């Protein structure tokens, strides 16, 4: 199954949100997308984040080293995870692209720092 097949196999609201986030994240030249274990993963040198469709509604963009994203930590929810932290989007209107861009920039910088 390709990434696009995976996205369009989801319900209308969800596939639109997934497609929007996927396109935004892959706009970075160095970002690589993969479909693993039924989840969209994004990496440069190592995994940076993944998009986890939620059972109730929406998705969570989970950052692999979220706990180390000091400038972005206030936007992220660590839940009961030790290293990862994420931001939840219920629909397209809830996506703040400036915030997401800022988090992705910090995550990519951290990834490049520890190549």
PDB file of N, CA and C in Angstrom:
ATOM      1  N   UNK A   1       0.853  -1.182   0.000  1.00  0.00           N
ATOM      2  CA  UNK A   1       0.000   0.000   0.000  1.00  0.00           C
ATOM      3  C   UNK A   1       0.896   1.241   0.000  1.00  0.00           C
ATOM      4  N   UNK A   2       0.573   2.179  -0.853  1.00  0.00           N
ATOM      5  CA  UNK A   2       1.327   3.428  -0.894  1.00  0.00           C
ATOM      6  C   UNK A   2       0.798   4.390   0.173  1.00  0.00           C
ATOM      7  N   UNK A   3       1.544   5.447   0.414  1.00  0.00           N
ATOM      8  CA  UNK A   3       1.123   6.459   1.387  1.00  0.00           C
ATOM      9  C   UNK A   3      -0.185   7.098   0.951  1.00  0.00           C
ATOM     10  N   UNK A   4      -0.319   7.412  -0.305  1.00  0.00           N
ATOM     11  CA  UNK A   4      -1.550   8.045  -0.808  1.00  0.00           C
ATOM     12  C   UNK A   4      -2.729   7.085  -0.680  1.00  0.00           C
ATOM     13  N   UNK A   5      -2.531   5.799  -0.983  1.00  0.00           N
ATOM     14  CA  UNK A   5      -3.590   4.806  -0.809  1.00  0.00           C
ATOM     15  C   UNK A   5      -4.027   4.745   0.656  1.00  0.00           C
ATOM     16  N   UNK A   6      -3.045   4.760   1.553  1.00  0.00           N
ATOM     17  CA  UNK A   6      -3.327   4.728   2.988  1.00  0.00           C
ATOM     18  C   UNK A   6      -4.169   5.944   3.400  1.00  0.00           C
ATOM     19  N   UNK A   7      -3.766   7.126   2.935  1.00  0.00           N
ATOM     20  CA  UNK A   7      -4.481   8.358   3.299  1.00  0.00           C
ATOM     21  C   UNK A   7      -5.914   8.328   2.788  1.00  0.00           C
ATOM     22  N   UNK A   8      -6.097   7.944   1.534  1.00  0.00           N
ATOM     23  CA  UNK A   8      -7.445   7.961   0.952  1.00  0.00           C
ATOM     24  C   UNK A   8      -8.318   6.808   1.429  1.00  0.00           C
ATOM     25  N   UNK A   9      -7.742   5.829   2.088  1.00  0.00           N
ATOM     26  CA  UNK A   9      -8.538   4.731   2.646  1.00  0.00           C
ATOM     27  C   UNK A   9      -9.249   5.160   3.936  1.00  0.00           C
ATOM     28  N   UNK A  10      -8.854   6.306   4.483  1.00  0.00           N
ATOM     29  CA  UNK A  10      -9.472   6.813   5.719  1.00  0.00           C
ATOM     30  C   UNK A  10     -10.756   7.560   5.386  1.00  0.00           C
ATOM     31  N   UNK A  11     -11.584   7.768   6.419  1.00  0.00           N
ATOM     32  CA  UNK A  11     -12.829   8.513   6.246  1.00  0.00           C
ATOM     33  C   UNK A  11     -12.551   9.912   5.700  1.00  0.00           C
ATOM     34  N   UNK A  12     -13.554  10.522   5.054  1.00  0.00           N
ATOM     35  CA  UNK A  12     -13.391  11.819   4.396  1.00  0.00           C
ATOM     36  C   UNK A  12     -12.689  12.870   5.242  1.00  0.00           C
ATOM     37  N   UNK A  13     -13.201  13.141   6.443  1.00  0.00           N
ATOM     38  CA  UNK A  13     -12.601  14.169   7.300  1.00  0.00           C
ATOM     39  C   UNK A  13     -11.161  13.830   7.631  1.00  0.00           C
ATOM     40  N   UNK A  14     -10.937  12.564   7.944  1.00  0.00           N
ATOM     41  CA  UNK A  14      -9.608  12.124   8.355  1.00  0.00           C
ATOM     42  C   UNK A  14      -8.632  12.141   7.188  1.00  0.00           C
ATOM     43  N   UNK A  15      -9.074  11.697   6.019  1.00  0.00           N
ATOM     44  CA  UNK A  15      -8.121  11.676   4.898  1.00  0.00           C
ATOM     45  C   UNK A  15      -7.749  13.091   4.457  1.00  0.00           C
ATOM     46  N   UNK A  16      -8.665  14.035   4.581  1.00  0.00           N
ATOM     47  CA  UNK A  16      -8.338  15.425   4.240  1.00  0.00           C
ATOM     48  C   UNK A  16      -7.307  15.997   5.207  1.00  0.00           C
ATOM     49  N   UNK A  17      -7.470  15.708   6.499  1.00  0.00           N
ATOM     50  CA  UNK A  17      -6.531  16.168   7.518  1.00  0.00           C
ATOM     51  C   UNK A  17      -5.172  15.492   7.339  1.00  0.00           C
ATOM     52  N   UNK A  18      -5.178  14.178   7.116  1.00  0.00           N
ATOM     53  CA  UNK A  18      -3.927  13.451   6.889  1.00  0.00           C
ATOM     54  C   UNK A  18      -3.194  13.976   5.657  1.00  0.00           C
ATOM     55  N   UNK A  19      -3.921  14.206   4.582  1.00  0.00           N
ATOM     56  CA  UNK A  19      -3.312  14.695   3.346  1.00  0.00           C
ATOM     57  C   UNK A  19      -2.715  16.086   3.555  1.00  0.00           C
ATOM     58  N   UNK A  20      -3.426  16.945   4.242  1.00  0.00           N
ATOM     59  CA  UNK A  20      -2.935  18.293   4.527  1.00  0.00           C
ATOM     60  C   UNK A  20      -1.640  18.237   5.338  1.00  0.00           C
ATOM     61  N   UNK A  21      -1.636  17.458   6.417  1.00  0.00           N
ATOM     62  CA  UNK A  21      -0.446  17.344   7.263  1.00  0.00           C
ATOM     63  C   UNK A  21       0.708  16.673   6.517  1.00  0.00           C
ATOM     64  N   UNK A  22       0.405  15.615   5.773  1.00  0.00           N
ATOM     65  CA  UNK A  22       1.434  14.922   4.988  1.00  0.00           C
ATOM     66  C   UNK A  22       2.088  15.886   3.998  1.00  0.00           C
ATOM     67  N   UNK A  23       1.277  16.632   3.262  1.00  0.00           N
ATOM     68  CA  UNK A  23       1.816  17.573   2.279  1.00  0.00           C
ATOM     69  C   UNK A  23       2.646  18.668   2.947  1.00  0.00           C
ATOM     70  N   UNK A  24       2.182  19.148   4.101  1.00  0.00           N
ATOM     71  CA  UNK A  24       2.919  20.194   4.807  1.00  0.00           C
ATOM     72  C   UNK A  24       4.277  19.677   5.284  1.00  0.00           C
ATOM     73  N   UNK A  25       4.282  18.517   5.890  1.00  0.00           N
ATOM     74  CA  UNK A  25       5.517  17.957   6.436  1.00  0.00           C
ATOM     75  C   UNK A  25       6.506  17.606   5.327  1.00  0.00           C
ATOM     76  N   UNK A  26       6.024  17.073   4.235  1.00  0.00           N
ATOM     77  CA  UNK A  26       6.933  16.666   3.147  1.00  0.00           C
ATOM     78  C   UNK A  26       7.374  17.839   2.265  1.00  0.00           C
ATOM     79  N   UNK A  27       6.911  19.045   2.558  1.00  0.00           N
ATOM     80  CA  UNK A  27       7.397  20.231   1.849  1.00  0.00           C
ATOM     81  C   UNK A  27       8.867  20.504   2.167  1.00  0.00           C
ATOM     82  N   UNK A  28       9.337  20.023   3.314  1.00  0.00           N
ATOM     83  CA  UNK A  28      10.747  20.171   3.665  1.00  0.00           C
ATOM     84  C   UNK A  28      11.546  19.224   2.775  1.00  0.00           C
ATOM     85  N   UNK A  29      12.533  19.772   2.075  1.00  0.00           N
ATOM     86  CA  UNK A  29      13.299  18.995   1.091  1.00  0.00           C
ATOM     87  C   UNK A  29      13.946  17.752   1.675  1.00  0.00           C
ATOM     88  N   UNK A  30      14.379  17.839   2.923  1.00  0.00           N
ATOM     89  CA  UNK A  30      15.111  16.728   3.516  1.00  0.00           C
ATOM     90  C   UNK A  30      14.219  15.688   4.197  1.00  0.00           C
ATOM     91  N   UNK A  31      12.918  15.937   4.232  1.00  0.00           N
ATOM     92  CA  UNK A  31      11.992  15.063   4.957  1.00  0.00           C
ATOM     93  C   UNK A  31      11.576  13.880   4.088  1.00  0.00           C
ATOM     94  N   UNK A  32      11.689  12.685   4.651  1.00  0.00           N
ATOM     95  CA  UNK A  32      11.325  11.444   3.959  1.00  0.00           C
ATOM     96  C   UNK A  32      10.105  10.846   4.656  1.00  0.00           C
ATOM     97  N   UNK A  33       9.149  10.391   3.887  1.00  0.00           N
ATOM     98  CA  UNK A  33       7.926   9.785   4.435  1.00  0.00           C
ATOM     99  C   UNK A  33       7.939   8.283   4.202  1.00  0.00           C
ATOM    100  N   UNK A  34       7.476   7.548   5.214  1.00  0.00           N
ATOM    101  CA  UNK A  34       7.363   6.094   5.119  1.00  0.00           C
ATOM    102  C   UNK A  34       6.079   5.648   5.806  1.00  0.00           C
ATOM    103  N   UNK A  35       5.553   4.536   5.356  1.00  0.00           N
ATOM    104  CA  UNK A  35       4.396   3.927   5.990  1.00  0.00           C
ATOM    105  C   UNK A  35       4.881   2.665   6.692  1.00  0.00           C
ATOM    106  N   UNK A  36       4.839   2.686   8.033  1.00  0.00           N
ATOM    107  CA  UNK A  36       5.285   1.541   8.831  1.00  0.00           C
ATOM    108  C   UNK A  36       4.239   1.235   9.880  1.00  0.00           C
ATOM    109  N   UNK A  37       3.933  -0.013  10.045  1.00  0.00           N
ATOM    110  CA  UNK A  37       2.982  -0.466  11.055  1.00  0.00           C
ATOM    111  C   UNK A  37       1.645   0.272  10.965  1.00  0.00           C
ATOM    112  N   UNK A  38       1.255   0.646   9.759  1.00  0.00           N
ATOM    113  CA  UNK A  38      -0.013   1.335   9.551  1.00  0.00           C
ATOM    114  C   UNK A  38      -0.020   2.775  10.018  1.00  0.00           C
ATOM    115  N   UNK A  39       1.153   3.389  10.126  1.00  0.00           N
ATOM    116  CA  UNK A  39       1.274   4.788  10.574  1.00  0.00           C
ATOM    117  C   UNK A  39       2.253   5.511   9.648  1.00  0.00           C
ATOM    118  N   UNK A  40       1.996   6.789   9.400  1.00  0.00           N
ATOM    119  CA  UNK A  40       2.890   7.599   8.574  1.00  0.00           C
ATOM    120  C   UNK A  40       4.045   8.115   9.423  1.00  0.00           C
ATOM    121  N   UNK A  41       5.272   7.773   9.030  1.00  0.00           N
ATOM    122  CA  UNK A  41       6.485   8.214   9.715  1.00  0.00           C
ATOM    123  C   UNK A  41       7.232   9.204   8.839  1.00  0.00           C
ATOM    124  N   UNK A  42       7.886  10.170   9.476  1.00  0.00           N
ATOM    125  CA  UNK A  42       8.664  11.176   8.762  1.00  0.00           C
ATOM    126  C   UNK A  42      10.054  11.245   9.389  1.00  0.00           C
ATOM    127  N   UNK A  43      11.084  11.247   8.545  1.00  0.00           N
ATOM    128  CA  UNK A  43      12.448  11.246   9.065  1.00  0.00           C
ATOM    129  C   UNK A  43      13.370  12.044   8.151  1.00  0.00           C
ATOM    130  N   UNK A  44      14.500  12.447   8.721  1.00  0.00           N
ATOM    131  CA  UNK A  44      15.595  13.041   7.961  1.00  0.00           C
ATOM    132  C   UNK A  44      16.763  12.071   8.111  1.00  0.00           C
ATOM    133  N   UNK A  45      17.441  12.113   9.233  1.00  0.00           N
ATOM    134  CA  UNK A  45      18.501  11.148   9.534  1.00  0.00           C
ATOM    135  C   UNK A  45      17.938   9.961  10.304  1.00  0.00           C
ATOM    136  N   UNK A  46      17.026  10.257  11.195  1.00  0.00           N
ATOM    137  CA  UNK A  46      16.328   9.243  11.986  1.00  0.00           C
ATOM    138  C   UNK A  46      14.875   9.710  12.109  1.00  0.00           C
ATOM    139  N   UNK A  47      13.981   8.886  12.626  1.00  0.00           N
ATOM    140  CA  UNK A  47      12.584   9.320  12.723  1.00  0.00           C
ATOM    141  C   UNK A  47      12.433  10.612  13.538  1.00  0.00           C
ATOM    142  N   UNK A  48      11.665  11.536  12.975  1.00  0.00           N
ATOM    143  CA  UNK A  48      11.402  12.813  13.640  1.00  0.00           C
ATOM    144  C   UNK A  48      10.001  12.811  14.242  1.00  0.00           C
ATOM    145  N   UNK A  49       9.032  12.348  13.443  1.00  0.00           N
ATOM    146  CA  UNK A  49       7.653  12.355  13.931  1.00  0.00           C
ATOM    147  C   UNK A  49       6.829  11.320  13.180  1.00  0.00           C
ATOM    148  N   UNK A  50       5.641  11.085  13.691  1.00  0.00           N
ATOM    149  CA  UNK A  50       4.678  10.240  12.992  1.00  0.00           C
ATOM    150  C   UNK A  50       3.289  10.805  13.224  1.00  0.00           C
ATOM    151  N   UNK A  51       2.376  10.454  12.328  1.00  0.00           N
ATOM    152  CA  UNK A  51       0.986  10.894  12.456  1.00  0.00           C
ATOM    153  C   UNK A  51       0.156   9.700  12.881  1.00  0.00           C
ATOM    154  N   UNK A  52      -0.446   9.826  14.032  1.00  0.00           N
ATOM    155  CA  UNK A  52      -1.232   8.754  14.608  1.00  0.00           C
ATOM    156  C   UNK A  52      -2.724   9.103  14.530  1.00  0.00           C
ATOM    157  N   UNK A  53      -3.508   8.431  13.673  1.00  0.00           N
ATOM    158  CA  UNK A  53      -4.949   8.674  13.649  1.00  0.00           C
ATOM    159  C   UNK A  53      -5.567   8.254  14.993  1.00  0.00           C
ATOM    160  N   UNK A  54      -6.396   9.104  15.548  1.00  0.00           N
ATOM    161  CA  UNK A  54      -7.013   8.824  16.839  1.00  0.00           C
ATOM    162  C   UNK A  54      -8.339   8.111  16.665  1.00  0.00           C
ATOM    163  N   UNK A  55      -8.709   7.306  17.632  1.00  0.00           N
ATOM    164  CA  UNK A  55      -9.956   6.531  17.548  1.00  0.00           C
ATOM    165  C   UNK A  55     -11.177   7.434  17.534  1.00  0.00           C
ATOM    166  N   UNK A  56     -11.176   8.444  18.396  1.00  0.00           N
ATOM    167  CA  UNK A  56     -12.348   9.314  18.497  1.00  0.00           C
ATOM    168  C   UNK A  56     -12.477  10.235  17.296  1.00  0.00           C
ATOM    169  N   UNK A  57     -11.464  11.067  17.106  1.00  0.00           N
ATOM    170  CA  UNK A  57     -11.517  12.019  16.012  1.00  0.00           C
ATOM    171  C   UNK A  57     -10.174  12.728  15.887  1.00  0.00           C
ATOM    172  N   UNK A  58      -9.743  12.952  14.678  1.00  0.00           N
ATOM    173  CA  UNK A  58      -8.530  13.698  14.451  1.00  0.00           C
ATOM    174  C   UNK A  58      -7.283  12.836  14.455  1.00  0.00           C
ATOM    175  N   UNK A  59      -6.147  13.526  14.575  1.00  0.00           N
ATOM    176  CA  UNK A  59      -4.852  12.862  14.568  1.00  0.00           C
ATOM    177  C   UNK A  59      -3.941  13.523  15.594  1.00  0.00           C
ATOM    178  N   UNK A  60      -2.900  12.799  15.954  1.00  0.00           N
ATOM    179  CA  UNK A  60      -1.859  13.371  16.791  1.00  0.00           C
ATOM    180  C   UNK A  60      -0.552  13.274  16.016  1.00  0.00           C
ATOM    181  N   UNK A  61       0.147  14.397  15.898  1.00  0.00           N
ATOM    182  CA  UNK A  61       1.481  14.400  15.323  1.00  0.00           C
ATOM    183  C   UNK A  61       2.415  14.238  16.509  1.00  0.00           C
ATOM    184  N   UNK A  62       3.093  13.094  16.564  1.00  0.00           N
ATOM    185  CA  UNK A  62       3.934  12.738  17.698  1.00  0.00           C
ATOM    186  C   UNK A  62       5.397  12.905  17.312  1.00  0.00           C
ATOM    187  N   UNK A  63       6.129  13.645  18.128  1.00  0.00           N
ATOM    188  CA  UNK A  63       7.539  13.909  17.874  1.00  0.00           C
ATOM    189  C   UNK A  63       8.390  12.952  18.680  1.00  0.00           C
ATOM    190  N   UNK A  64       9.267  12.259  17.960  1.00  0.00           N
ATOM    191  CA  UNK A  64      10.090  11.179  18.494  1.00  0.00           C
ATOM    192  C   UNK A  64      10.867  11.605  19.736  1.00  0.00           C
ATOM    193  N   UNK A  65      11.532  12.736  19.672  1.00  0.00           N
ATOM    194  CA  UNK A  65      12.301  13.261  20.807  1.00  0.00           C
ATOM    195  C   UNK A  65      11.606  14.496  21.363  1.00  0.00           C
ATOM    196  N   UNK A  66      10.312  14.417  21.482  1.00  0.00           N
ATOM    197  CA  UNK A  66       9.506  15.556  21.907  1.00  0.00           C
ATOM    198  C   UNK A  66       9.942  16.173  23.219  1.00  0.00           C
ATOM    199  N   UNK A  67      10.385  15.356  24.150  1.00  0.00           N
ATOM    200  CA  UNK A  67      10.809  15.843  25.457  1.00  0.00           C
ATOM    201  C   UNK A  67      12.027  16.757  25.345  1.00  0.00           C
ATOM    202  N   UNK A  68      12.808  16.617  24.261  1.00  0.00           N
ATOM    203  CA  UNK A  68      14.005  17.433  24.054  1.00  0.00           C
ATOM    204  C   UNK A  68      13.750  18.704  23.252  1.00  0.00           C
ATOM    205  N   UNK A  69      12.514  18.909  22.839  1.00  0.00           N
ATOM    206  CA  UNK A  69      12.162  20.105  22.067  1.00  0.00           C
ATOM    207  C   UNK A  69      11.781  21.214  23.044  1.00  0.00           C
ATOM    208  N   UNK A  70      12.758  21.808  23.662  1.00  0.00           N
ATOM    209  CA  UNK A  70      12.543  22.760  24.759  1.00  0.00           C
ATOM    210  C   UNK A  70      11.714  23.976  24.336  1.00  0.00           C
ATOM    211  N   UNK A  71      11.952  24.510  23.145  1.00  0.00           N
ATOM    212  CA  UNK A  71      11.212  25.691  22.690  1.00  0.00           C
ATOM    213  C   UNK A  71       9.764  25.365  22.332  1.00  0.00           C
ATOM    214  N   UNK A  72       9.492  24.119  21.995  1.00  0.00           N
ATOM    215  CA  UNK A  72       8.162  23.708  21.531  1.00  0.00           C
ATOM    216  C   UNK A  72       7.370  22.933  22.573  1.00  0.00           C
ATOM    217  N   UNK A  73       7.986  22.618  23.682  1.00  0.00           N
ATOM    218  CA  UNK A  73       7.364  21.734  24.673  1.00  0.00           C
ATOM    219  C   UNK A  73       6.018  22.239  25.169  1.00  0.00           C
ATOM    220  N   UNK A  74       5.825  23.541  25.204  1.00  0.00           N
ATOM    221  CA  UNK A  74       4.550  24.088  25.690  1.00  0.00           C
ATOM    222  C   UNK A  74       3.381  23.751  24.759  1.00  0.00           C
ATOM    223  N   UNK A  75       3.662  23.429  23.506  1.00  0.00           N
ATOM    224  CA  UNK A  75       2.620  23.058  22.547  1.00  0.00           C
ATOM    225  C   UNK A  75       2.333  21.564  22.548  1.00  0.00           C
ATOM    226  N   UNK A  76       3.238  20.797  23.142  1.00  0.00           N
ATOM    227  CA  UNK A  76       3.181  19.340  23.048  1.00  0.00           C
ATOM    228  C   UNK A  76       2.633  18.705  24.319  1.00  0.00           C
ATOM    229  N   UNK A  77       1.965  17.566  24.139  1.00  0.00           N
ATOM    230  CA  UNK A  77       1.424  16.794  25.248  1.00  0.00           C
ATOM    231  C   UNK A  77       2.241  15.505  25.335  1.00  0.00           C
ATOM    232  N   UNK A  78       2.892  15.320  26.458  1.00  0.00           N
ATOM    233  CA  UNK A  78       3.739  14.142  26.631  1.00  0.00           C
ATOM    234  C   UNK A  78       2.923  12.911  26.994  1.00  0.00           C
ATOM    235  N   UNK A  79       1.723  13.111  27.515  1.00  0.00           N
ATOM    236  CA  UNK A  79       0.878  12.035  28.014  1.00  0.00           C
ATOM    237  C   UNK A  79       1.702  11.208  28.999  1.00  0.00           C
ATOM    238  N   UNK A  80       1.707   9.910  28.888  1.00  0.00           N
ATOM    239  CA  UNK A  80       2.497   9.083  29.809  1.00  0.00           C
ATOM    240  C   UNK A  80       3.739   8.518  29.123  1.00  0.00           C
ATOM    241  N   UNK A  81       4.185   9.199  28.081  1.00  0.00           N
ATOM    242  CA  UNK A  81       5.360   8.741  27.336  1.00  0.00           C
ATOM    243  C   UNK A  81       6.626   9.337  27.938  1.00  0.00           C
ATOM    244  N   UNK A  82       7.723   8.614  27.817  1.00  0.00           N
ATOM    245  CA  UNK A  82       8.983   9.064  28.406  1.00  0.00           C
ATOM    246  C   UNK A  82       9.745  10.025  27.500  1.00  0.00           C
ATOM    247  N   UNK A  83       9.770   9.770  26.205  1.00  0.00           N
ATOM    248  CA  UNK A  83      10.543  10.581  25.269  1.00  0.00           C
ATOM    249  C   UNK A  83       9.682  11.356  24.280  1.00  0.00           C
ATOM    250  N   UNK A  84       8.580  10.776  23.867  1.00  0.00           N
ATOM    251  CA  UNK A  84       7.758  11.352  22.809  1.00  0.00           C
ATOM    252  C   UNK A  84       6.732  12.329  23.376  1.00  0.00           C
ATOM    253  N   UNK A  85       6.354  13.273  22.520  1.00  0.00           N
ATOM    254  CA  UNK A  85       5.298  14.222  22.870  1.00  0.00           C
ATOM    255  C   UNK A  85       4.617  14.620  21.569  1.00  0.00           C
ATOM    256  N   UNK A  86       3.327  14.926  21.650  1.00  0.00           N
ATOM    257  CA  UNK A  86       2.589  15.200  20.422  1.00  0.00           C
ATOM    258  C   UNK A  86       1.643  16.369  20.523  1.00  0.00           C
ATOM    259  N   UNK A  87       1.137  16.733  19.370  1.00  0.00           N
ATOM    260  CA  UNK A  87       0.140  17.793  19.265  1.00  0.00           C
ATOM    261  C   UNK A  87      -1.047  17.214  18.501  1.00  0.00           C
ATOM    262  N   UNK A  88      -2.246  17.443  19.022  1.00  0.00           N
ATOM    263  CA  UNK A  88      -3.456  16.851  18.454  1.00  0.00           C
ATOM    264  C   UNK A  88      -4.216  17.871  17.611  1.00  0.00           C
ATOM    265  N   UNK A  89      -4.679  17.403  16.468  1.00  0.00           N
ATOM    266  CA  UNK A  89      -5.515  18.210  15.580  1.00  0.00           C
ATOM    267  C   UNK A  89      -6.814  17.453  15.353  1.00  0.00           C
ATOM    268  N   UNK A  90      -7.932  18.096  15.670  1.00  0.00           N
ATOM    269  CA  UNK A  90      -9.235  17.448  15.481  1.00  0.00           C
ATOM    270  C   UNK A  90      -9.745  17.598  14.061  1.00  0.00           C
ATOM    271  N   UNK A  91      -9.359  18.685  13.407  1.00  0.00           N
ATOM    272  CA  UNK A  91      -9.824  18.944  12.047  1.00  0.00           C
ATOM    273  C   UNK A  91      -8.852  19.910  11.368  1.00  0.00           C
ATOM    274  N   UNK A  92      -9.098  20.199  10.122  1.00  0.00           N
ATOM    275  CA  UNK A  92      -8.225  21.087   9.354  1.00  0.00           C
ATOM    276  C   UNK A  92      -8.155  22.472   9.981  1.00  0.00           C
ATOM    277  N   UNK A  93      -9.274  22.985  10.455  1.00  0.00           N
ATOM    278  CA  UNK A  93      -9.311  24.324  11.039  1.00  0.00           C
ATOM    279  C   UNK A  93      -8.455  24.444  12.300  1.00  0.00           C
ATOM    280  N   UNK A  94      -8.197  23.335  12.968  1.00  0.00           N
ATOM    281  CA  UNK A  94      -7.425  23.386  14.218  1.00  0.00           C
ATOM    282  C   UNK A  94      -5.917  23.410  13.999  1.00  0.00           C
ATOM    283  N   UNK A  95      -5.468  23.251  12.756  1.00  0.00           N
ATOM    284  CA  UNK A  95      -4.035  23.212  12.465  1.00  0.00           C
ATOM    285  C   UNK A  95      -3.479  24.640  12.438  1.00  0.00           C
ATOM    286  N   UNK A  96      -2.538  24.909  13.316  1.00  0.00           N
ATOM    287  CA  UNK A  96      -1.820  26.184  13.331  1.00  0.00           C
ATOM    288  C   UNK A  96      -0.483  25.922  12.640  1.00  0.00           C
ATOM    289  N   UNK A  97      -0.392  26.338  11.385  1.00  0.00           N
ATOM    290  CA  UNK A  97       0.781  26.021  10.577  1.00  0.00           C
ATOM    291  C   UNK A  97       2.047  26.692  11.089  1.00  0.00           C
ATOM    292  N   UNK A  98       1.923  27.866  11.691  1.00  0.00           N
ATOM    293  CA  UNK A  98       3.105  28.535  12.239  1.00  0.00           C
ATOM    294  C   UNK A  98       3.689  27.725  13.395  1.00  0.00           C
ATOM    295  N   UNK A  99       2.820  27.238  14.261  1.00  0.00           N
ATOM    296  CA  UNK A  99       3.267  26.423  15.397  1.00  0.00           C
ATOM    297  C   UNK A  99       3.871  25.114  14.893  1.00  0.00           C
ATOM    298  N   UNK A 100       3.185  24.450  13.981  1.00  0.00           N
ATOM    299  CA  UNK A 100       3.688  23.186  13.452  1.00  0.00           C
ATOM    300  C   UNK A 100       5.035  23.389  12.762  1.00  0.00           C
ATOM    301  N   UNK A 101       5.161  24.455  12.003  1.00  0.00           N
ATOM    302  CA  UNK A 101       6.430  24.773  11.343  1.00  0.00           C
ATOM    303  C   UNK A 101       7.538  24.960  12.382  1.00  0.00           C
ATOM    304  N   UNK A 102       7.244  25.693  13.429  1.00  0.00           N
ATOM    305  CA  UNK A 102       8.224  25.943  14.491  1.00  0.00           C
ATOM    306  C   UNK A 102       8.674  24.640  15.152  1.00  0.00           C
ATOM    307  N   UNK A 103       7.730  23.760  15.440  1.00  0.00           N
ATOM    308  CA  UNK A 103       8.053  22.468  16.064  1.00  0.00           C
ATOM    309  C   UNK A 103       8.895  21.621  15.114  1.00  0.00           C
ATOM    310  N   UNK A 104       8.493  21.571  13.853  1.00  0.00           N
ATOM    311  CA  UNK A 104       9.247  20.790  12.859  1.00  0.00           C
ATOM    312  C   UNK A 104      10.664  21.336  12.672  1.00  0.00           C
ATOM    313  N   UNK A 105      10.807  22.653  12.679  1.00  0.00           N
ATOM    314  CA  UNK A 105      12.136  23.254  12.545  1.00  0.00           C
ATOM    315  C   UNK A 105      13.031  22.837  13.709  1.00  0.00           C
ATOM    316  N   UNK A 106      12.492  22.909  14.922  1.00  0.00           N
ATOM    317  CA  UNK A 106      13.279  22.526  16.088  1.00  0.00           C
ATOM    318  C   UNK A 106      13.613  21.031  16.054  1.00  0.00           C
ATOM    319  N   UNK A 107      12.657  20.208  15.666  1.00  0.00           N
ATOM    320  CA  UNK A 107      12.878  18.759  15.598  1.00  0.00           C
ATOM    321  C   UNK A 107      13.925  18.417  14.538  1.00  0.00           C
ATOM    322  N   UNK A 108      13.877  19.086  13.400  1.00  0.00           N
ATOM    323  CA  UNK A 108      14.863  18.847  12.342  1.00  0.00           C
ATOM    324  C   UNK A 108      16.248  19.315  12.781  1.00  0.00           C
ATOM    325  N   UNK A 109      16.304  20.440  13.472  1.00  0.00           N
ATOM    326  CA  UNK A 109      17.577  20.942  13.989  1.00  0.00           C
ATOM    327  C   UNK A 109      18.183  19.943  14.982  1.00  0.00           C
ATOM    328  N   UNK A 110      17.347  19.432  15.872  1.00  0.00           N
ATOM    329  CA  UNK A 110      17.799  18.434  16.852  1.00  0.00           C
ATOM    330  C   UNK A 110      18.277  17.160  16.140  1.00  0.00           C
ATOM    331  N   UNK A 111      17.548  16.737  15.122  1.00  0.00           N
ATOM    332  CA  UNK A 111      17.926  15.546  14.353  1.00  0.00           C
ATOM    333  C   UNK A 111      19.290  15.739  13.694  1.00  0.00           C
ATOM    334  N   UNK A 112      19.523  16.897  13.109  1.00  0.00           N
ATOM    335  CA  UNK A 112      20.805  17.179  12.447  1.00  0.00           C
ATOM    336  C   UNK A 112      21.945  17.308  13.445  1.00  0.00           C
ATOM    337  N   UNK A 113      21.628  17.730  14.650  1.00  0.00           N
ATOM    338  CA  UNK A 113      22.641  17.893  15.698  1.00  0.00           C
ATOM    339  C   UNK A 113      23.207  16.547  16.147  1.00  0.00           C
ATOM    340  N   UNK A 114      22.362  15.520  16.098  1.00  0.00           N
ATOM    341  CA  UNK A 114      22.766  14.198  16.580  1.00  0.00           C
ATOM    342  C   UNK A 114      22.888  13.167  15.468  1.00  0.00           C
ATOM    343  N   UNK A 115      23.325  13.564  14.272  1.00  0.00           N
ATOM    344  CA  UNK A 115      23.462  12.626  13.155  1.00  0.00           C
ATOM    345  C   UNK A 115      24.443  11.531  13.486  1.00  0.00           C
TER     346      UNK A 115
END
